[in-house]
Amino acid sequence: MLGRYGVVRNYGPHGLQLAYVGAGRLDVFLQAGRDLENWLPGLLIAREAGAEVLTATGQPWHWFADSLLVAAPGLGSAFQQAQSTIQ
């Protein structure tokens, strides 16, 4: 991912990172694995701000999903396409 994107980093708590996507401070949040309890507060903020909320495979996110991709509006599918060219 580092070769394709300018910065890849962890900003601490997942809820904060998701809120940052909603606020426009981050473009994309991606996590493989389930961490629902830590996602919920930031996920609500991001969704209310209009962020795209998907699974890592690009499917609509649901309560039992084992991954999360939250992106600024319009970036979710572009990120998915870029990811598919890396793998």
Protein backbone atom coordinates (compact mmCIF):
# COMPACT_ATOMS: atom_id res chain seq x y z
CA MET A 1 0.00 0.00 0.00
CA LEU A 2 2.85 2.39 0.73
CA GLY A 3 3.90 2.46 -2.93
CA ARG A 4 0.44 3.55 -4.05
CA TYR A 5 -0.69 5.90 -1.26
CA GLY A 6 1.00 8.93 0.26
CA VAL A 7 0.50 7.95 3.89
CA VAL A 8 -0.64 4.78 5.61
CA ARG A 9 -0.80 5.05 9.39
CA ASN A 10 -2.72 4.30 12.54
CA TYR A 11 -4.08 7.32 14.41
CA GLY A 12 -5.02 5.48 17.61
CA PRO A 13 -8.56 4.48 18.56
CA HIS A 14 -10.68 3.25 15.69
CA GLY A 15 -13.63 5.39 16.72
CA LEU A 16 -11.47 8.50 16.41
CA GLN A 17 -10.20 7.49 12.98
CA LEU A 18 -13.74 6.90 11.76
CA ALA A 19 -14.83 10.27 13.10
CA TYR A 20 -11.87 11.79 11.23
CA VAL A 21 -13.18 10.31 7.98
CA GLY A 22 -16.55 11.91 8.71
CA ALA A 23 -14.85 15.23 9.44
CA GLY A 24 -12.77 15.09 6.25
CA ARG A 25 -9.42 14.74 8.05
CA LEU A 26 -8.85 11.23 6.68
CA ASP A 27 -9.93 9.87 3.31
CA VAL A 28 -10.22 6.17 4.08
CA PHE A 29 -10.33 3.81 7.06
CA LEU A 30 -9.85 0.09 6.38
CA GLN A 31 -9.73 -2.74 8.89
CA ALA A 32 -9.85 -6.48 8.32
CA GLY A 33 -11.21 -8.28 11.35
CA ARG A 34 -14.13 -7.47 13.58
CA ASP A 35 -13.97 -4.67 16.16
CA LEU A 36 -17.58 -3.53 16.36
CA GLU A 37 -17.43 -2.17 19.91
CA ASN A 38 -14.61 0.21 18.98
CA TRP A 39 -16.13 1.15 15.61
CA LEU A 40 -19.60 2.17 16.75
CA PRO A 41 -19.11 5.76 18.01
CA GLY A 42 -17.00 6.87 15.04
CA LEU A 43 -19.07 4.85 12.60
CA LEU A 44 -22.17 6.79 13.60
CA ILE A 45 -20.36 10.11 13.11
CA ALA A 46 -18.93 9.07 9.75
CA ARG A 47 -22.23 7.73 8.45
CA GLU A 48 -24.13 10.85 9.54
CA ALA A 49 -21.51 12.98 7.76
CA GLY A 50 -22.15 11.11 4.51
CA ALA A 51 -19.17 8.75 4.41
CA GLU A 52 -19.43 5.49 2.49
CA VAL A 53 -19.64 2.52 4.87
CA LEU A 54 -18.69 -0.81 3.27
CA THR A 55 -16.95 -4.08 4.04
CA ALA A 56 -13.36 -4.56 2.89
CA THR A 57 -14.72 -6.37 -0.17
CA GLY A 58 -16.90 -3.39 -1.15
CA GLN A 59 -20.23 -4.83 -0.02
CA PRO A 60 -22.63 -2.76 2.09
CA TRP A 61 -21.57 -2.99 5.74
CA HIS A 62 -23.80 -4.91 8.17
CA TRP A 63 -23.67 -5.61 11.91
CA PHE A 64 -22.01 -9.01 11.52
CA ALA A 65 -19.39 -8.00 8.94
CA ASP A 66 -15.82 -9.07 9.69
CA SER A 67 -14.23 -6.00 8.09
CA LEU A 68 -14.87 -2.31 7.62
CA LEU A 69 -14.08 0.23 4.92
CA VAL A 70 -15.21 3.80 5.54
CA ALA A 71 -14.38 6.37 2.90
CA ALA A 72 -15.12 9.96 2.01
CA PRO A 73 -18.06 10.20 -0.41
CA GLY A 74 -17.09 8.84 -3.83
CA LEU A 75 -13.81 7.28 -2.70
CA GLY A 76 -15.00 3.82 -1.65
CA SER A 77 -15.21 2.29 -5.12
CA ALA A 78 -12.05 4.08 -6.28
CA PHE A 79 -10.19 2.67 -3.28
CA GLN A 80 -11.54 -0.82 -4.02
CA GLN A 81 -10.32 -0.61 -7.63
CA ALA A 82 -6.88 0.61 -6.55
CA GLN A 83 -6.67 -2.20 -4.00
CA SER A 84 -7.52 -4.82 -6.60
CA THR A 85 -4.59 -3.69 -8.79
CA ILE A 86 -2.16 -4.02 -5.85
CA GLN A 87 -3.08 -7.59 -4.93
